[in-house]
Each structure stands twice: as structure tokens, then as C-alpha cells.
Protein backbone atom coordinates (compact mmCIF):
# COMPACT_ATOMS: atom_id res chain seq x y z
CA MET A 1 -26.42 26.87 -2.39
CA LYS A 2 -23.69 29.15 -3.80
CA LYS A 3 -22.25 31.86 -1.85
CA HIS A 4 -21.98 35.43 -3.48
CA PHE A 5 -18.25 36.88 -2.24
CA LEU A 6 -15.90 39.30 -4.27
CA LEU A 7 -12.52 38.78 -4.46
CA PRO A 8 -10.19 41.54 -4.26
CA ILE A 9 -6.44 41.49 -5.71
CA ALA A 10 -3.48 43.91 -4.89
CA LEU A 11 -2.36 45.55 -8.84
CA TYR A 12 1.05 47.28 -9.53
CA ALA A 13 1.01 47.87 -13.13
CA GLY A 14 0.48 50.80 -15.59
CA LEU A 15 -2.33 52.68 -16.14
CA ILE A 16 -6.22 53.14 -17.63
CA SER A 17 -5.52 53.67 -21.38
CA ALA A 18 -8.45 55.79 -23.05
CA LYS A 19 -6.92 54.87 -26.57
CA ALA A 20 -6.40 50.27 -26.60
CA GLN A 21 -9.83 49.34 -28.68
CA ASP A 22 -8.98 46.14 -25.94
CA ASP A 23 -8.99 48.38 -23.03
CA MET A 24 -12.31 47.97 -20.18
CA PRO A 25 -14.11 50.24 -20.95
CA LEU A 26 -14.66 52.85 -18.15
CA VAL A 27 -17.57 54.00 -16.34
CA TRP A 28 -16.84 56.05 -13.87
CA GLU A 29 -14.27 57.52 -11.63
CA SER A 30 -14.93 59.05 -8.43
CA ARG A 31 -12.29 61.21 -6.28
CA MET A 32 -12.53 60.31 -2.76
CA ASP A 33 -11.20 63.56 -0.16
CA HIS A 34 -8.91 61.08 2.01
CA LYS A 35 -6.33 58.67 1.32
CA ILE A 36 -7.70 54.99 0.56
CA VAL A 37 -6.50 52.28 2.84
CA HIS A 38 -9.17 49.61 3.92
CA THR A 39 -11.54 48.86 0.57
CA GLY A 40 -14.90 46.95 1.05
CA THR A 41 -17.06 46.61 -2.88
CA GLY A 42 -20.63 45.02 -2.77
CA THR A 43 -22.65 43.79 -4.86
CA GLU A 44 -24.71 45.66 -7.59
CA GLU A 45 -28.15 44.11 -6.01
CA ARG A 46 -26.61 46.28 -2.65
CA GLY A 47 -26.05 48.55 -4.53
CA PHE A 48 -22.57 50.40 -2.20
CA SER A 49 -19.73 50.17 -1.35
CA TYR A 50 -17.25 51.81 0.50
CA ALA A 51 -13.43 53.14 0.70
CA ALA A 52 -11.61 54.40 4.26
CA SER A 53 -8.23 55.93 5.00
CA ASP A 54 -7.32 55.11 8.67
CA LYS A 55 -9.52 58.34 9.86
CA GLU A 56 -12.05 58.95 8.17
CA ILE A 57 -14.40 56.77 5.60
CA THR A 58 -16.76 57.21 2.75
CA VAL A 59 -19.21 55.35 1.43
CA PHE A 60 -20.85 55.75 -2.82
CA ASP A 61 -23.16 54.31 -5.16
CA ASN A 62 -22.26 51.47 -7.06
CA LYS A 63 -24.38 52.83 -10.08
CA THR A 64 -22.67 56.27 -10.42
CA GLY A 65 -19.42 56.22 -7.85
CA LYS A 66 -21.18 59.23 -6.10
CA PRO A 67 -21.12 59.83 -2.22
CA LYS A 68 -23.80 58.38 0.06
CA TRP A 69 -22.28 59.93 3.25
CA ASN A 70 -18.67 60.22 4.51
CA LYS A 71 -17.72 60.98 7.87
CA LYS A 72 -14.38 61.16 10.20
CA PHE A 73 -13.97 57.94 13.09
CA LYS A 74 -14.60 60.47 15.74
CA GLU A 75 -17.86 61.83 14.19
CA LEU A 76 -18.58 58.10 13.86
CA ALA A 77 -18.59 57.00 17.36
CA PRO A 78 -17.41 58.42 20.35
CA LYS A 79 -14.58 56.16 21.49
CA LEU A 80 -12.52 56.32 17.83
CA SER A 81 -10.26 58.52 17.41
CA LYS A 82 -8.14 56.42 14.84
CA ILE A 83 -9.29 52.59 13.02
CA ASP A 84 -6.49 50.06 13.26
CA ASP A 85 -9.51 47.32 11.60
CA LEU A 86 -12.37 47.62 9.89
CA ILE A 87 -14.65 44.46 9.66
CA PRO A 88 -18.16 44.94 6.98
CA PHE A 89 -20.64 42.80 7.42
CA TRP A 90 -22.67 42.58 4.19
CA GLU A 91 -25.76 40.64 5.46
CA SER A 92 -26.13 42.67 8.42
CA ASP A 93 -25.53 45.91 6.54
CA VAL A 94 -22.76 46.67 9.32
CA ILE A 95 -19.05 47.68 9.86
CA PHE A 96 -17.60 46.39 13.09
CA LEU A 97 -14.56 49.24 13.90
CA PHE A 98 -11.56 48.79 16.41
CA ASP A 99 -9.10 50.46 17.69
CA ARG A 100 -6.39 48.56 18.98
CA LYS A 101 -5.26 49.61 22.18
CA MET A 102 -2.98 47.21 24.55
CA GLY A 103 -5.00 45.19 26.22
CA LYS A 104 -8.25 47.21 25.94
CA ASP A 105 -9.65 47.08 22.46
CA VAL A 106 -12.48 49.42 21.58
CA LEU A 107 -14.94 48.18 19.40
CA ALA A 108 -18.04 50.64 17.64
CA VAL A 109 -20.75 49.32 15.25
CA VAL A 110 -22.36 51.52 12.39
CA GLU A 111 -25.02 51.07 9.90
CA MET A 112 -23.28 50.63 6.68
CA GLU A 113 -25.62 52.34 4.30
CA SER A 114 -26.78 55.33 6.11
CA GLY A 115 -23.39 56.09 8.43
CA ASN A 116 -25.31 55.48 11.79
CA PHE A 117 -23.61 54.95 14.59
CA LEU A 118 -25.44 51.95 16.91
CA TRP A 119 -23.30 50.85 19.59
CA SER A 120 -19.54 50.34 21.40
CA THR A 121 -18.29 48.41 23.71
CA ASP A 122 -14.45 47.48 25.03
CA LYS A 123 -15.87 44.22 27.16
CA TYR A 124 -15.00 41.99 24.05
CA GLN A 125 -11.42 41.65 23.36
CA ASP A 126 -9.09 39.61 20.50
CA VAL A 127 -11.58 40.02 17.87
CA ASP A 128 -11.51 39.62 14.52
CA GLU A 129 -13.79 38.81 11.73
CA GLU A 130 -12.70 34.75 11.89
CA ASN A 131 -14.86 34.91 15.16
CA VAL A 132 -17.90 36.60 14.46
CA VAL A 133 -20.71 35.04 12.33
CA TYR A 134 -23.83 36.55 11.42
CA ILE A 135 -27.15 34.54 12.30
CA PRO A 136 -29.75 36.44 10.35
CA GLU A 137 -32.58 34.08 11.42
CA GLU A 138 -31.81 35.98 14.95
CA GLN A 139 -30.21 38.88 13.91
CA SER A 140 -27.84 38.57 16.30
CA PHE A 141 -23.66 37.78 15.91
CA ALA A 142 -22.38 35.16 17.28
CA ILE A 143 -18.88 35.39 18.84
CA SER A 144 -16.77 33.34 19.97
CA LEU A 145 -14.36 34.23 22.82
CA LYS A 146 -11.20 33.18 24.95
CA LYS A 147 -13.31 31.46 27.59
CA GLU A 148 -16.89 31.73 26.13
CA LEU A 149 -19.53 32.21 23.10
CA VAL A 150 -21.86 35.47 23.29
CA PHE A 151 -25.02 35.73 21.66
CA ILE A 152 -25.39 39.58 20.84
CA ARG A 153 -28.36 41.59 19.19
CA ALA A 154 -26.89 42.93 15.94
CA ARG A 155 -28.89 46.68 15.96
CA THR A 156 -27.59 47.54 19.95
CA GLY A 157 -24.86 45.05 21.10
CA GLU A 158 -27.25 43.74 23.89
CA GLU A 159 -26.03 40.42 25.30
CA ARG A 160 -28.39 38.08 24.66
CA TRP A 161 -26.84 34.94 26.11
CA SER A 162 -23.26 33.31 26.85
CA THR A 163 -21.92 30.01 27.31
CA THR A 164 -18.42 28.59 28.54
CA LYS A 165 -19.69 24.68 27.04
CA PHE A 166 -19.08 25.78 23.25
CA LYS A 167 -15.25 26.29 22.67
CA GLY A 168 -14.13 27.59 19.05
CA VAL A 169 -15.88 29.42 16.42
CA VAL A 170 -19.63 28.32 15.36
CA GLY A 171 -19.20 27.11 11.84
CA LYS A 172 -21.98 26.20 9.60
CA TYR A 173 -25.22 25.50 11.72
CA ALA A 174 -28.95 24.64 11.15
CA ILE A 175 -32.47 26.22 12.39
CA THR A 176 -34.59 23.76 13.56
CA THR A 177 -37.94 25.51 13.63
CA ASP A 178 -38.74 24.34 17.20
CA GLY A 179 -35.67 27.47 18.00
CA TYR A 180 -33.01 25.20 18.42
CA MET A 181 -29.84 25.68 16.79
CA VAL A 182 -27.41 22.43 15.85
CA MET A 183 -23.68 23.66 14.63
CA VAL A 184 -20.18 22.43 14.37
CA ASN A 185 -16.58 24.42 15.85
CA PHE A 186 -13.99 24.93 14.26
CA VAL A 187 -10.62 27.06 14.59
CA PRO A 188 -9.07 29.12 11.94
CA SER A 189 -5.66 28.95 11.48
CA SER A 190 -5.18 32.73 12.42
CA LEU A 191 -6.82 32.46 16.01
CA GLY A 192 -5.61 28.80 16.54
CA ALA A 193 -3.63 30.38 20.22
CA LEU A 194 -6.81 31.62 20.90
CA PHE A 195 -9.10 29.02 21.97
CA THR A 196 -7.29 26.48 24.51
CA GLY A 197 -8.98 22.94 25.51
CA PHE A 198 -10.51 22.83 22.08
CA LYS A 199 -11.98 19.32 20.82
CA ASN A 200 -14.40 19.04 17.79
CA GLN A 201 -17.78 19.35 18.70
CA ILE A 202 -21.57 19.49 17.73
CA ALA A 203 -24.07 20.44 19.36
CA LYS A 204 -27.72 21.25 19.48
CA ILE A 205 -28.57 24.46 21.54
CA ASN A 206 -31.52 26.50 22.52
CA ILE A 207 -31.25 29.69 20.83
CA ARG A 208 -33.67 31.62 23.20
CA ASN A 209 -30.96 30.64 26.22
CA GLY A 210 -27.97 29.40 25.34
CA ASP A 211 -28.68 26.07 26.75
CA ILE A 212 -26.74 23.22 25.27
CA ILE A 213 -29.33 20.32 24.79
CA TRP A 214 -26.71 17.79 23.80
CA GLU A 215 -23.09 18.33 22.29
CA ASN A 216 -20.75 15.42 20.53
CA THR A 217 -17.29 15.15 18.57
CA TYR A 218 -17.11 14.70 14.70
CA ILE A 219 -13.85 13.31 12.71
CA GLY A 220 -12.44 15.96 10.81
CA ARG A 221 -11.44 18.88 10.08
CA ALA A 222 -14.20 22.02 9.96
CA GLU A 223 -12.79 24.93 8.03
CA ARG A 224 -13.92 27.65 5.44
CA LYS A 225 -11.74 28.40 2.66
CA VAL A 226 -9.48 31.94 4.29
CA ILE A 227 -10.43 34.26 1.21
CA SER A 228 -13.89 33.35 -0.72
CA ARG A 229 -15.79 32.64 2.97
CA GLU A 230 -16.71 29.19 1.24
CA PHE A 231 -17.62 26.21 3.78
CA LEU A 232 -15.32 22.85 3.31
CA TYR A 233 -18.53 21.04 4.48
CA ASP A 234 -22.24 20.74 4.89
CA LEU A 235 -25.01 20.33 8.43
CA PHE A 236 -28.47 20.42 7.21
CA ILE A 237 -31.46 18.34 9.10
CA ASP A 238 -33.06 15.54 7.65
CA GLY A 239 -35.89 14.67 9.27
CA ASP A 240 -35.08 13.52 12.48
CA LYS A 241 -31.35 13.32 11.24
CA VAL A 242 -28.51 15.65 11.33
CA MET A 243 -25.96 15.13 8.41
CA LEU A 244 -23.06 16.24 8.30
CA MET A 245 -20.71 16.08 5.17
CA MET A 246 -17.36 16.03 5.97
CA ASN A 247 -15.01 13.92 4.22
CA GLY A 248 -17.34 11.51 3.84
CA TYR A 249 -20.79 11.58 6.16
CA GLN A 250 -20.86 11.46 9.75
CA VAL A 251 -25.06 11.06 10.64
CA TYR A 252 -26.30 12.17 14.54
CA ASP A 253 -29.86 11.80 15.98
CA LEU A 254 -31.17 15.20 16.09
CA LYS A 255 -33.31 14.19 19.55
CA THR A 256 -30.17 12.87 21.51
CA GLY A 257 -26.85 13.15 19.52
CA ALA A 258 -26.39 10.54 19.55
CA SER A 259 -23.78 9.25 16.60
CA LEU A 260 -26.09 6.78 14.41
CA TRP A 261 -23.42 5.61 11.79
CA SER A 262 -20.21 7.63 10.30
CA ALA A 263 -18.08 7.23 7.03
CA ALA A 264 -15.72 10.00 7.84
CA PHE A 265 -11.54 10.17 7.43
CA ASP A 266 -9.42 12.50 9.31
CA TYR A 267 -7.21 14.14 6.13
CA THR A 268 -5.29 17.50 6.38
CA PRO A 269 -3.82 18.20 3.17
CA ASP A 270 -0.26 19.14 4.98
CA GLY A 271 3.02 19.97 2.51
CA LEU A 272 0.48 20.08 -0.91
CA GLY A 273 1.32 24.27 -1.07
CA LYS A 274 4.10 26.70 -0.52
CA ARG A 275 2.78 29.66 2.61
CA PRO A 276 3.96 32.87 0.99
CA ALA A 277 5.90 35.29 2.83
CA ASN A 278 3.65 37.48 4.84
CA ALA A 279 0.59 35.71 4.57
CA LYS A 280 -1.60 36.07 7.62
CA LYS A 281 -3.82 33.24 6.27
CA PHE A 282 -2.74 30.26 4.56
CA GLY A 283 -4.85 27.02 3.63
CA VAL A 284 -4.81 24.48 0.83
CA TYR A 285 -8.25 23.08 -0.26
CA GLY A 286 -9.71 20.23 -2.99
CA ALA A 287 -6.88 17.74 -2.12
CA VAL A 288 -9.61 14.77 -1.47
CA ALA A 289 -12.99 14.93 -3.76
CA ASP A 290 -16.12 14.85 -2.21
CA PRO A 291 -18.42 11.63 -1.54
CA VAL A 292 -20.32 11.34 -4.22
CA ARG A 293 -23.79 9.49 -3.55
CA VAL A 294 -25.93 7.89 -6.19
CA GLY A 295 -29.37 6.42 -4.90
CA ASP A 296 -28.40 4.85 -1.67
CA ASP A 297 -25.08 3.85 -2.51
CA LEU A 298 -22.42 6.41 -1.52
CA TYR A 299 -18.88 6.10 -2.41
CA VAL A 300 -15.94 7.99 -0.17
CA LEU A 301 -12.50 7.98 -0.16
CA ASP A 302 -10.66 6.98 2.85
CA MET A 303 -7.63 9.00 2.96
CA SER A 304 -6.18 8.80 6.19
CA ASN A 305 -3.25 6.96 5.77
CA ARG A 306 -0.59 8.50 4.18
CA ARG A 307 0.86 5.39 2.72
CA SER A 308 -2.40 3.87 1.61
CA GLN A 309 -6.01 5.01 0.63
CA TYR A 310 -8.89 3.55 -0.57
CA ILE A 311 -12.47 4.30 -2.24
CA LYS A 312 -15.05 2.89 0.32
CA LYS A 313 -18.53 2.18 -0.64
CA TYR A 314 -21.42 2.67 2.07
CA ASP A 315 -25.23 1.98 1.91
CA ALA A 316 -26.50 5.97 2.56
CA ASN A 317 -29.23 4.93 4.41
CA SER A 318 -27.56 2.45 7.42
CA GLY A 319 -24.33 3.39 7.04
CA LYS A 320 -23.29 -0.72 6.45
CA LEU A 321 -20.26 -1.09 4.26
CA LEU A 322 -20.70 -3.07 1.32
CA TRP A 323 -16.87 -3.37 -0.17
CA THR A 324 -13.40 -1.52 0.25
CA SER A 325 -11.22 -1.08 -2.79
CA PRO A 326 -7.60 -2.40 -3.22
CA GLU A 327 -4.71 -0.01 -1.95
CA ILE A 328 -4.54 3.43 -3.85
CA LYS A 329 -0.64 3.70 -3.07
CA GLU A 330 0.76 6.60 -1.82
CA ALA A 331 -1.69 9.10 -3.32
CA ARG A 332 -1.20 12.53 -1.84
CA ALA A 333 -4.07 13.96 -3.29
CA ILE A 334 -7.63 12.40 -5.48
CA PRO A 335 -9.29 16.03 -6.39
CA ASN A 336 -11.40 14.39 -8.57
CA MET A 337 -13.76 11.19 -8.58
CA TYR A 338 -17.04 10.51 -10.96
CA ILE A 339 -19.34 7.32 -10.72
CA MET A 340 -20.36 6.78 -14.08
CA GLY A 341 -22.81 4.07 -15.15
CA ASP A 342 -20.76 1.03 -13.44
CA LYS A 343 -17.82 2.58 -12.94
CA ILE A 344 -15.58 4.88 -10.28
CA VAL A 345 -12.61 6.84 -12.51
CA LEU A 346 -10.03 8.74 -10.27
CA GLN A 347 -7.58 11.55 -11.26
CA ILE A 348 -5.06 10.73 -8.40
CA GLY A 349 -2.42 13.85 -7.79
CA GLY A 350 -3.18 17.23 -10.39
CA ASN A 351 -4.17 20.93 -9.37
CA VAL A 352 -5.28 21.54 -6.19
CA GLU A 353 -6.34 25.18 -4.98
CA ALA A 354 -4.09 27.28 -1.84
CA GLN A 355 -5.35 30.69 -0.99
CA ALA A 356 -4.10 33.31 0.96
CA TYR A 357 -4.24 36.68 2.34
CA ILE A 358 -1.04 38.29 2.05
CA TYR A 359 -0.95 41.75 4.36
CA ARG A 360 2.63 43.95 5.00
CA ARG A 361 2.32 47.49 6.59
CA THR A 362 5.11 49.59 6.66
CA GLN A 363 5.67 53.46 8.13
CA ASN A 364 7.36 55.53 5.91
CA ALA A 365 9.98 58.16 5.70
CA ASP A 366 7.46 60.90 6.58
CA GLY A 367 5.33 59.16 9.03
CA SER A 368 2.37 58.01 6.74
CA VAL A 369 1.68 54.41 6.83
CA SER A 370 1.79 52.43 3.59
CA VAL A 371 -0.45 49.44 3.26
CA TYR A 372 -0.02 46.52 1.04
CA GLU A 373 -2.67 43.85 0.94
CA GLU A 374 -3.27 40.78 -1.93
CA TRP A 375 -5.97 38.37 -1.89
CA LYS A 376 -3.98 35.26 -3.73
CA ILE A 377 -5.94 32.13 -5.34
CA TRP A 378 -3.85 29.89 -6.82
CA TYR A 379 -3.54 26.03 -8.00
CA PRO A 380 -0.55 24.11 -7.21
CA ASN A 381 0.16 20.67 -8.81
CA VAL A 382 0.89 17.64 -6.48
CA LYS A 383 2.27 14.57 -7.49
CA PRO A 384 2.14 11.27 -7.67
CA ASN A 385 0.10 11.66 -10.76
CA GLY A 386 -2.24 9.15 -12.71
CA VAL A 387 -5.78 7.75 -13.63
CA GLN A 388 -7.43 5.08 -12.78
CA ALA A 389 -11.07 3.54 -12.69
CA PHE A 390 -12.95 0.47 -10.91
CA ASN A 391 -16.06 -1.59 -10.39
CA THR A 392 -18.55 0.08 -8.26
CA SER A 393 -19.66 -3.46 -8.02
CA ASP A 394 -17.52 -5.02 -6.22
CA GLY A 395 -15.07 -1.96 -5.75
CA SER A 396 -12.04 -4.18 -8.00
CA LEU A 397 -9.68 -1.78 -10.35
CA VAL A 398 -10.15 -2.08 -13.87
CA TRP A 399 -7.63 -0.34 -15.55
CA ASP A 400 -4.61 1.91 -14.67
CA SER A 401 -2.89 4.44 -17.35
CA GLU A 402 0.05 4.27 -17.64
CA ARG A 403 -0.13 8.35 -19.32
CA PHE A 404 -0.29 10.71 -16.42
CA ARG A 405 2.96 9.09 -14.58
CA LYS A 406 4.63 12.15 -15.31
CA GLY A 407 1.80 14.82 -15.41
CA ILE A 408 -1.26 15.90 -15.44
CA THR A 409 -3.64 18.83 -14.52
CA ASN A 410 -7.03 17.74 -14.13
CA MET A 411 -9.87 15.37 -15.24
CA ILE A 412 -13.41 16.71 -16.15
CA GLU A 413 -16.23 14.43 -16.98
CA ALA A 414 -17.70 15.17 -20.17
CA GLY A 415 -20.11 13.05 -22.66
CA GLY A 416 -19.99 9.82 -21.02
CA ASN A 417 -16.26 9.65 -21.38
CA VAL A 418 -13.33 11.78 -19.20
CA ILE A 419 -11.35 14.18 -20.35
CA VAL A 420 -7.65 14.17 -19.52
CA SER A 421 -5.23 17.48 -19.04
CA SER A 422 -1.21 16.23 -18.92
CA GLY A 423 -0.27 19.81 -19.19
CA LYS A 424 1.16 19.33 -23.26
CA ALA A 425 -2.01 17.38 -24.65
CA LEU A 426 -5.71 16.87 -23.90
CA TYR A 427 -6.89 13.03 -23.86
CA SER A 428 -10.45 11.72 -23.89
CA MET A 429 -10.50 8.33 -22.67
CA ASP A 430 -13.09 5.35 -22.74
CA ILE A 431 -13.92 4.81 -19.02
CA ASN A 432 -14.69 1.27 -19.14
CA THR A 433 -11.28 0.44 -20.79
CA GLY A 434 -9.08 3.59 -20.64
CA LYS A 435 -8.55 3.35 -23.96
CA GLU A 436 -7.56 6.43 -25.72
CA LEU A 437 -10.06 7.72 -27.96
CA TYR A 438 -8.37 11.07 -29.43
CA GLU A 439 -5.19 12.82 -28.13
CA VAL A 440 -4.71 16.61 -29.03
CA PRO A 441 -1.65 18.64 -28.73
CA VAL A 442 -2.52 22.26 -26.69
CA ALA A 443 -0.25 24.00 -28.73
CA LYS A 444 -2.52 24.05 -31.65
CA GLY A 445 -4.70 26.50 -28.90
CA GLY A 446 -1.53 28.63 -29.51
CA VAL A 447 -1.29 29.78 -25.32
CA GLY A 448 0.92 27.39 -23.84
CA ASN A 449 0.63 24.37 -22.13
CA ALA A 450 -2.22 23.87 -19.99
CA GLN A 451 -2.36 24.71 -16.32
CA MET A 452 -5.93 23.62 -16.18
CA ILE A 453 -8.91 22.39 -17.82
CA PHE A 454 -13.10 23.36 -17.40
CA PRO A 455 -15.79 22.20 -19.12
CA TYR A 456 -17.91 25.22 -21.18
CA LYS A 457 -21.40 23.92 -23.15
CA ASP A 458 -19.92 21.15 -25.20
CA MET A 459 -16.28 22.50 -25.01
CA VAL A 460 -12.70 22.11 -22.97
CA ALA A 461 -11.54 25.45 -22.26
CA VAL A 462 -7.47 25.79 -21.44
CA ILE A 463 -6.22 27.68 -19.18
CA GLY A 464 -3.30 28.00 -20.65
CA GLU A 465 0.78 30.37 -19.56
CA LYS A 466 -0.34 32.66 -21.87
CA GLY A 467 -4.43 32.70 -22.67
CA VAL A 468 -7.43 30.77 -23.29
CA SER A 469 -8.71 28.41 -26.15
CA THR A 470 -11.14 25.90 -26.13
CA PHE A 471 -11.82 22.55 -28.06
CA LYS A 472 -15.03 20.56 -29.28
CA MET A 473 -15.27 17.68 -26.40
CA SER A 474 -16.63 15.67 -29.12
CA ASN A 475 -13.16 15.39 -31.37
CA GLY A 476 -10.95 17.93 -29.92
CA ASP A 477 -11.31 20.20 -32.79
CA LEU A 478 -9.92 23.38 -32.09
CA VAL A 479 -12.89 25.98 -31.48
CA ALA A 480 -11.33 29.36 -30.71
CA ASN A 481 -8.54 31.14 -29.03
CA GLY A 482 -7.03 34.79 -27.03
CA LYS A 483 -3.58 34.54 -26.68
CA TYR A 484 -2.10 37.15 -24.13
CA LYS A 485 0.87 37.48 -21.75
CA THR A 486 1.99 35.36 -18.79
CA SER A 487 -0.65 35.25 -16.74
CA LEU A 488 -2.34 32.76 -14.41
CA LEU A 489 -6.30 31.74 -13.76
CA GLU A 490 -7.79 34.57 -11.40
CA ASP A 491 -11.34 33.70 -11.43
CA ARG A 492 -14.06 32.91 -13.57
CA PHE A 493 -17.78 33.76 -14.04
CA ASP A 494 -19.72 31.69 -15.80
CA ASN A 495 -18.64 32.18 -19.74
CA ILE A 496 -16.23 35.62 -18.50
CA VAL A 497 -12.68 33.77 -17.30
CA ILE A 498 -10.02 36.48 -15.36
CA MET A 499 -6.41 36.07 -16.16
CA LYS A 500 -3.76 38.06 -13.78
CA THR A 501 0.11 38.67 -14.84
CA GLU A 502 2.75 38.59 -12.50
CA GLY A 503 3.10 42.43 -12.93
CA ALA A 504 -0.49 42.95 -11.80
CA ASP A 505 -1.82 43.08 -15.57
CA ILE A 506 -5.29 41.67 -16.06
CA ALA A 507 -7.63 40.52 -19.11
CA ALA A 508 -11.14 39.35 -19.14
CA PHE A 509 -11.62 37.02 -21.80
CA ASP A 510 -15.19 35.58 -23.16
CA LEU A 511 -15.39 31.96 -23.02
CA ASN A 512 -17.78 32.37 -26.16
CA THR A 513 -15.03 33.43 -28.48
CA CYS A 514 -11.88 33.46 -26.13
CA LYS A 515 -11.12 37.86 -27.40
CA TYR A 516 -10.48 39.31 -24.05
CA LEU A 517 -10.42 43.29 -22.57
CA GLU A 518 -7.42 44.86 -21.29
CA PHE A 519 -7.08 46.79 -17.65
CA LYS A 520 -3.71 47.96 -16.53
CA ALA A 521 -3.64 49.75 -12.47
CA ARG A 522 -1.36 51.80 -11.25
CA LYS A 523 1.27 50.48 -9.05
CA GLY A 524 -0.09 49.57 -4.96
CA ALA A 525 -3.96 49.65 -6.56
CA THR A 526 -6.84 47.68 -5.20
CA THR A 527 -9.19 45.95 -7.53
CA SER A 528 -12.03 43.68 -6.99
CA LEU A 529 -14.10 42.12 -9.60
CA THR A 530 -17.68 42.07 -8.66
CA THR A 531 -19.87 38.29 -8.47
CA GLU A 532 -21.45 38.23 -11.55
CA GLY A 533 -18.14 39.45 -13.47
CA GLU A 534 -19.76 42.54 -15.20
CA TYR A 535 -17.45 44.93 -13.43
CA VAL A 536 -14.15 45.24 -12.09
CA TYR A 537 -13.51 48.46 -9.36
CA VAL A 538 -10.34 50.03 -8.91
CA TYR A 539 -9.21 51.62 -5.78
CA GLU A 540 -6.21 53.91 -6.35
CA ASN A 541 -4.49 56.22 -4.29
CA LYS A 542 -7.59 58.67 -3.74
CA THR A 543 -9.58 57.62 -6.51
CA VAL A 544 -12.51 55.04 -7.31
CA SER A 545 -12.60 53.59 -10.92
CA LYS A 546 -15.24 51.23 -12.15
CA VAL A 547 -14.61 49.26 -15.52
CA ARG A 548 -16.79 47.43 -17.53
CA THR A 549 -15.02 42.98 -18.22
CA GLY A 550 -16.75 43.25 -21.29
CA LYS A 551 -18.28 46.12 -23.83
């Protein structure tokens, strides 16, 4: 299921220009009664967002920009005069407010839409957004502390139960029809020091009283992306089995927790991306392609050995290993694996995804505080590079293309063949022979070298160094192009592609035409792109503006 999320970006330069034809249209502008330090943009469907200083908060209507309510924090909760941290839990319609004191944090919980105070406590220390999980089926929070996991009612703070037998944060979970929860644990990178004696743990728990029915271990590293918060694995119940998809498949008996079979491997993408300065959270993702199941056949990449990698084919019902491919030597990343007819096609090296939350707080000469925040997503390139194909029947190597030794961005499936971007050209390749069906220089698009490609309708969309272009999949003919400034892909929403320059300008491209609208924000502004890509919210000093990505 696709998760809806908002991607804020710290932007720096310029002004909203009222006269330029290609500017994003202004929907509304609203001025707050206080400075904006903390921001949160709700979906258009939810209908409201918030802006807050360290002492005051305003929740406003997304359609009009008008305030729904405004209160000082000391009016919201009796024990708060200021806040050091603010964490929204949109699904439960509450905000956690923290006054961080030396060894005695105060937590106050407020209803987001109304501003009503719900409850407060100083019992829970070292609480962060990383170690709180909302369980909507029970309208409760699971809070992972250093010594225990506590389960509390969201609206009252009443503690339902606690257990010391589950270490770490509750990750992906599944609820059974008879009142049990199967869950895995993990340690977020920002909270590694909090959990002592941690081990990989999958457990079945009685959700009514916290009793552990069974526990077992799992292989791999359970993670969520640090910005978009997507889980990098899946957990679901299939009849009397628990299925964990994490760097392969792991199957457990639902009743006893016994391991039935496993086709999973440890892999940590160390050194594939550089951690930015002042990054509080950082992660690299997409370095290993997900397992692919075709009928009763399961294809898994074994990347556990840094020197040699393999494709392994299993019977998806029994877990029996059917064959192991020849070595794929020293591939640091294999981001894409396609099963196409009787061939397996691998992209070796190329783009992976990196995410980082960058936070810097400085005190100004007048005593005021400046906060710099950036939620950054980028795509570092990993070498060595290549494209290889194998037989599905026995795993034997069919062909190995020499074309991409010097570089590759990524590869896409296209009408029974694959299209590979070297950065300088697009290559359509026959999957049976590795023969190049056509070669097209991306320079035809007029937007510089390709940073990445992806499919859109019957076209290949090229994200260039200076804009976006599209080519026909069938023959490589240029369809449309839009030249812009030197920029990087910020996000994509169906036909809308958002590009951002280093100097902070953003442009919204329509893939149907490659035409774009531009927006320039003032220095220090924070911008949120909505989940459907239709609007941008800009938070600047005391002003919130809403602009449209299309006319």
C-alpha cells in the first residue's frame, strides 16, 4: 500500500514573482501572529496544517489559510511554558509537545484539530518520533523505552500494559482476528545508544495484556526510510503462516513461531553514500532489488558476501533451493532485477537512494534562535556498473554487456525489452541476446546528461542535469523537452516532476508536455510539497503561502 507523506525542503533564495508567466500561481497567503520554527502540512483531504514558534502554535485551514485556532503552549498544557520538540501523529490527530529538561522531559499531548489538551506526563524519558508507533486498530501508542515497551491509550495516556521482553522499536506489524499482534523490532539510527542488549526479534503478543506468546529471531536489518518513513520490508499473515519479506523471504508458523523456511541474507549498504554535515538521520536504500515471485518460483539476490554475489531460485511453497547462479563478482549494489519470460536481467551498480534529515540550531546575537532544517533526498551512483542476463531454468549466464562498464544511471523494463541509461545515451536492449536495438544520445533532449530515467506511459522520462525530456520507448524518438537550470530531482507525483536547484529554486514539470512552472522562496523558508503534487506550502518568518504546481 502506498503511504501518503509530505516532503519538506529547506529553501534559500528569491521572491515570489507576480509577473512572470511561468510562476506557480498563488492560491493564498496568510500571516501568523508569531514566528514560524516548527511546521507540519496535512494532506488536502485532512484539511489543516500547523505552524509554531517555541512558545505558540497556529493550526490553519488548508483551503483558505485562515486559522482554526491559535494558543500559547502555556495555555495548552499546565506544565509547558516553552517547547523544545513537537511531533505530530496525523493518523491519531494528536501532537506530542516536549519540554526537554535535564533528565526529566515533560510530555504534553494535544488534539491537533481542536487544540484541546488531552494529557501530560513526565514518566517517559528519551521519547522521540522514532520510538513511538501509533496502532490505529487499538487507538493506542506503543512507546519503546530503554527498559520496556509500554502500550498507552492515545486519548487519555492510560497505560494498558508494559513488557520488558521486547527490545527496540515496534516496526512492521500484523493484527490477527483473535486479538494478537505479530511484530518485528528495529533500532533507528538516531536511537542506537538507547537500546542495550538488542537482538533481532519477531514476536507474537497478546494485544490486550502484553503477554508474549512466542518470539524468534529474523535475518537482516529492519528499517524505515528516515524522511519518507516507508518500511523497507513487509510483514503479513498468510493463513497459518507469518511471512516476512526482508532481503528475501522468512516464513514462520503463526501458532508457535517456529521457523518454517528462510531465503534471506544480511546486507548493509555501508559506504554507498556520504553522510551530510549536521545530518541527524541518514540512510541509503534501494541497493538490492526486492525478491521477485513468479508463480511458485522465488528469485532472491544473495548479497551477504562483499566479494561474490548470487541469484538464488527457490520453491516459494517449501523454501527448497532450486539453483544458484554463477558468481556476480564484487557488485556493491544490484538495484534492479527483472524476470522477463525465461530471462533474469540484472542492473549492476548505478543509482541508489539516500535520505538525510539535517538540523542546525544557532543562537543569534540578540538572543533569538535560528533553526535550519533540510529534508534531503538524493541519488548517489555506485560502481562497478553493468547489465547481465541469466536463464530462469538453471541460472546460467546468457550475456554480459560490456557497454556499461564506464557508467550507468539505471535500467527500466520497456515492452519486453529493457532500456538502460549510461548517462549520455539511452540503449534499448534485446533481453534474449543483449543486442542493442537502438542507441539515442540524451543530448537530443537538450537538458544535459541523464541523472536517471523512469517509464511514463509509452515514453522514457529523462531527468537531466538541466531539466526534463521524454523519448518514445519504441524507437527512441524525442517527444518533448523542458530546459531549466542545473537541478536535481526532488520528487515525482504521477505526471508532475519536481526539480530543485542548489540555490533553492524549484520547478514543477508536466511530463505530458515537459513544460514547467517555477517558484522561488526567500532565504530560510521551508517548503512542503503535497502528496498528490498539486500544491506547495511555503513557511517563511511569519507567513504561510500556498502555491499551485499547475495552472
